[in-house]
Amino acid sequence: MRTKQSGGPTGRPRGFDADEALERAMLVFWEHGYEGASLATLTGAMGISATSMYAAFGNKEELFRKALERYTEGPGGYLTRSLDEPTALEVATAILAGTVRTTARPSAPQGCLGVQGALSTSDAGQGVRDLLATWRNDGCGKVGDRFRRAVDEGDLPPGTDPALLARYVTTLAFGIAVQAASGVDRDELQAMADAALRTWPPV
């Protein structure tokens, strides 16, 4: 009768930390984009085999979805926190400051995962392009809802279009992220944000 060997491998290898592996995958996608992040680069950074990656996270697109969720809750969490600011101007100021801080950190990839993740994907990456378009529009929608409340509360002029104002602010934020990825330094990015908010709301 064969006895069960104790201590043998059962699925994931010993020492496999799914949370740490996902963090590393997020950084790879953030730096290289969806298609630029090869399977070899991802698994090398995660410290696991391709088999373990598929078992723990699914295919590459599913891994990217999980990495985007992590980015949204972590480095990109400033947007949600900004909505709690007491005035619309402070919301916009916090969003742009958060964008500068996150996209130009020396200790992290430059730019924004949600902006650059699928800028140059093939037809095979259409699902990721659609995912990121939805992600960006969802963020803009949340800002628009917050500005609509500001109009109702009298914090913004009655004639303000909250959706258009939200699109203005988020477009500025995405532009800052692109400039950060191009190597523009943090001080210049912040100066751009400050200049954009000198007349509030824009008319």
Protein backbone atom coordinates (compact mmCIF):
# COMPACT_ATOMS: atom_id res chain seq x y z
CA MET A 1 0.00 0.00 0.00
CA ARG A 2 1.40 3.36 -1.05
CA THR A 3 1.60 5.87 1.74
CA LYS A 4 1.11 9.59 1.13
CA GLN A 5 4.36 11.47 1.29
CA SER A 6 4.20 14.51 3.53
CA GLY A 7 5.80 17.78 2.57
CA GLY A 8 5.53 17.20 -1.18
CA PRO A 9 4.52 19.97 -3.57
CA THR A 10 0.75 20.50 -3.83
CA GLY A 11 0.00 23.20 -6.36
CA ARG A 12 1.88 26.39 -5.57
CA PRO A 13 5.52 26.08 -4.57
CA ARG A 14 6.51 26.79 -1.01
CA GLY A 15 7.23 30.41 -0.33
CA PHE A 16 4.92 31.65 -3.10
CA ASP A 17 3.40 34.96 -2.02
CA ALA A 18 0.50 35.80 -4.35
CA ASP A 19 0.20 39.35 -3.04
CA GLU A 20 3.88 40.12 -3.58
CA ALA A 21 3.81 38.46 -7.01
CA LEU A 22 0.84 40.60 -8.06
CA GLU A 23 2.60 43.73 -6.84
CA ARG A 24 5.60 42.89 -9.01
CA ALA A 25 3.37 42.12 -12.00
CA MET A 26 1.67 45.48 -11.55
CA LEU A 27 5.04 47.24 -11.70
CA VAL A 28 6.01 45.36 -14.87
CA PHE A 29 2.75 46.30 -16.61
CA TRP A 30 3.10 49.87 -15.37
CA GLU A 31 6.58 50.17 -16.84
CA HIS A 32 6.17 48.20 -20.06
CA GLY A 33 2.46 48.32 -20.90
CA TYR A 34 0.33 45.26 -21.63
CA GLU A 35 2.00 43.98 -24.78
CA GLY A 36 5.45 45.18 -23.78
CA ALA A 37 5.31 42.96 -20.70
CA SER A 38 6.37 39.56 -21.98
CA LEU A 39 5.47 36.38 -20.15
CA ALA A 40 9.15 35.82 -19.39
CA THR A 41 9.51 39.32 -17.93
CA LEU A 42 6.37 38.91 -15.84
CA THR A 43 7.22 35.51 -14.41
CA GLY A 44 10.83 36.56 -13.86
CA ALA A 45 9.73 39.58 -11.85
CA MET A 46 7.10 37.57 -9.99
CA GLY A 47 9.60 34.84 -9.14
CA ILE A 48 7.33 32.02 -10.30
CA SER A 49 6.94 29.70 -13.26
CA ALA A 50 4.46 30.27 -16.05
CA THR A 51 2.50 27.26 -14.77
CA SER A 52 2.21 28.81 -11.32
CA MET A 53 1.19 32.13 -12.82
CA TYR A 54 -1.61 30.58 -14.84
CA ALA A 55 -2.77 28.54 -11.85
CA ALA A 56 -2.84 31.55 -9.51
CA PHE A 57 -3.94 34.38 -11.78
CA GLY A 58 -5.29 32.93 -15.02
CA ASN A 59 -4.01 34.13 -18.40
CA LYS A 60 -2.08 37.33 -19.08
CA GLU A 61 -5.19 39.46 -19.60
CA GLU A 62 -6.68 38.26 -16.31
CA LEU A 63 -3.40 39.02 -14.57
CA PHE A 64 -3.49 42.51 -16.06
CA ARG A 65 -7.05 43.02 -14.78
CA LYS A 66 -5.95 42.05 -11.28
CA ALA A 67 -2.90 44.31 -11.56
CA LEU A 68 -5.12 47.23 -12.64
CA GLU A 69 -7.38 46.63 -9.63
CA ARG A 70 -4.33 46.71 -7.40
CA TYR A 71 -3.12 49.91 -9.04
CA THR A 72 -6.55 51.52 -8.59
CA GLU A 73 -6.64 50.67 -4.89
CA GLY A 74 -2.97 51.47 -4.30
CA PRO A 75 -0.99 54.05 -6.31
CA GLY A 76 -4.11 55.28 -8.11
CA GLY A 77 -6.21 55.49 -4.96
CA TYR A 78 -5.68 59.24 -4.74
CA LEU A 79 -8.60 59.82 -7.12
CA THR A 80 -11.15 58.22 -4.81
CA ARG A 81 -9.68 59.99 -1.79
CA SER A 82 -9.79 63.32 -3.63
CA LEU A 83 -13.57 63.10 -3.92
CA ASP A 84 -13.84 63.56 -0.16
CA GLU A 85 -12.35 67.06 -0.30
CA PRO A 86 -14.84 69.72 0.87
CA THR A 87 -14.94 71.83 -2.31
CA ALA A 88 -14.82 71.14 -6.04
CA LEU A 89 -11.65 73.20 -6.38
CA GLU A 90 -9.98 71.17 -3.64
CA VAL A 91 -11.13 67.97 -5.37
CA ALA A 92 -9.53 69.08 -8.65
CA THR A 93 -6.39 70.27 -6.85
CA ALA A 94 -6.05 66.94 -5.04
CA ILE A 95 -6.58 64.94 -8.24
CA LEU A 96 -3.87 66.81 -10.13
CA ALA A 97 -1.46 66.79 -7.17
CA GLY A 98 -2.06 63.07 -6.77
CA THR A 99 -1.39 62.53 -10.46
CA VAL A 100 1.90 64.43 -10.26
CA ARG A 101 2.93 62.59 -7.11
CA THR A 102 2.08 59.13 -8.48
CA THR A 103 3.28 59.44 -12.06
CA ALA A 104 6.59 61.13 -11.29
CA ARG A 105 7.77 59.12 -8.28
CA PRO A 106 11.45 58.24 -8.56
CA SER A 107 10.80 54.90 -6.82
CA ALA A 108 8.14 53.72 -9.30
CA PRO A 109 7.61 53.56 -13.07
CA GLN A 110 6.85 56.91 -14.65
CA GLY A 111 3.42 57.71 -16.02
CA CYS A 112 0.09 56.01 -15.32
CA LEU A 113 -0.71 52.33 -15.74
CA GLY A 114 -4.28 53.19 -16.74
CA VAL A 115 -3.18 55.59 -19.47
CA GLN A 116 -0.19 53.84 -21.00
CA GLY A 117 -1.12 50.21 -20.35
CA ALA A 118 -2.57 49.62 -23.80
CA LEU A 119 -1.66 52.63 -25.93
CA SER A 120 -0.08 50.46 -28.61
CA THR A 121 -1.69 47.04 -28.51
CA SER A 122 -2.55 44.81 -31.46
CA ASP A 123 -6.03 43.48 -32.19
CA ALA A 124 -5.34 40.75 -29.65
CA GLY A 125 -5.17 43.42 -26.97
CA GLN A 126 -8.59 44.91 -27.77
CA GLY A 127 -10.00 43.56 -24.51
CA VAL A 128 -7.34 45.42 -22.53
CA ARG A 129 -7.88 48.63 -24.52
CA ASP A 130 -11.61 48.42 -23.79
CA LEU A 131 -10.90 47.68 -20.13
CA LEU A 132 -8.72 50.77 -19.77
CA ALA A 133 -11.16 53.00 -21.66
CA THR A 134 -13.87 51.89 -19.23
CA TRP A 135 -11.49 52.45 -16.30
CA ARG A 136 -10.76 56.01 -17.40
CA ASN A 137 -14.43 56.78 -18.09
CA ASP A 138 -15.46 55.37 -14.71
CA GLY A 139 -13.00 57.69 -12.99
CA CYS A 140 -14.29 60.64 -14.97
CA GLY A 141 -17.86 59.68 -14.11
CA LYS A 142 -17.10 59.65 -10.39
CA VAL A 143 -15.56 63.11 -10.63
CA GLY A 144 -18.59 64.30 -12.60
CA ASP A 145 -20.94 63.02 -9.88
CA ARG A 146 -18.90 64.88 -7.27
CA PHE A 147 -19.02 68.11 -9.29
CA ARG A 148 -22.78 67.68 -9.80
CA ARG A 149 -23.12 67.61 -6.04
CA ALA A 150 -21.00 70.76 -5.86
CA VAL A 151 -23.42 72.50 -8.23
CA ASP A 152 -26.39 71.38 -6.11
CA GLU A 153 -24.67 72.67 -2.97
CA GLY A 154 -23.84 76.04 -4.52
CA ASP A 155 -20.10 75.37 -4.48
CA LEU A 156 -20.01 75.66 -8.30
CA PRO A 157 -21.98 78.20 -10.38
CA PRO A 158 -25.47 77.05 -11.43
CA GLY A 159 -24.57 77.04 -15.13
CA THR A 160 -21.59 74.71 -14.66
CA ASP A 161 -21.62 71.51 -16.75
CA PRO A 162 -20.29 68.99 -14.20
CA ALA A 163 -19.60 66.28 -16.79
CA LEU A 164 -17.61 68.65 -18.99
CA LEU A 165 -15.70 70.01 -16.00
CA ALA A 166 -14.88 66.46 -14.91
CA ARG A 167 -13.64 65.66 -18.42
CA TYR A 168 -11.47 68.79 -18.31
CA VAL A 169 -9.86 67.82 -15.00
CA THR A 170 -9.30 64.17 -15.89
CA THR A 171 -7.91 65.10 -19.32
CA LEU A 172 -5.43 67.36 -17.55
CA ALA A 173 -4.53 64.50 -15.24
CA PHE A 174 -4.01 62.07 -18.11
CA GLY A 175 -1.92 64.67 -19.95
CA ILE A 176 0.26 65.12 -16.87
CA ALA A 177 0.74 61.35 -16.74
CA VAL A 178 1.86 61.26 -20.37
CA GLN A 179 4.28 64.13 -19.77
CA ALA A 180 5.65 62.34 -16.71
CA ALA A 181 6.27 59.24 -18.81
CA SER A 182 8.16 61.46 -21.25
CA GLY A 183 10.54 62.53 -18.50
CA VAL A 184 9.12 65.93 -17.51
CA ASP A 185 10.17 66.55 -13.91
CA ARG A 186 7.83 66.77 -10.96
CA ASP A 187 8.20 70.50 -10.34
CA GLU A 188 7.28 71.34 -13.92
CA LEU A 189 4.31 68.98 -13.82
CA GLN A 190 3.03 70.62 -10.65
CA ALA A 191 3.51 74.07 -12.19
CA MET A 192 1.36 72.94 -15.13
CA ALA A 193 -1.35 71.76 -12.75
CA ASP A 194 -1.24 75.00 -10.79
CA ALA A 195 -1.51 77.07 -13.97
CA ALA A 196 -4.54 75.08 -15.14
CA LEU A 197 -6.40 75.78 -11.90
CA ARG A 198 -5.71 79.51 -11.61
CA THR A 199 -9.12 80.28 -13.07
CA TRP A 200 -11.73 78.04 -11.51
CA PRO A 201 -13.99 76.82 -12.87
CA PRO A 202 -12.80 77.27 -16.47
CA VAL A 203 -15.36 79.04 -18.66
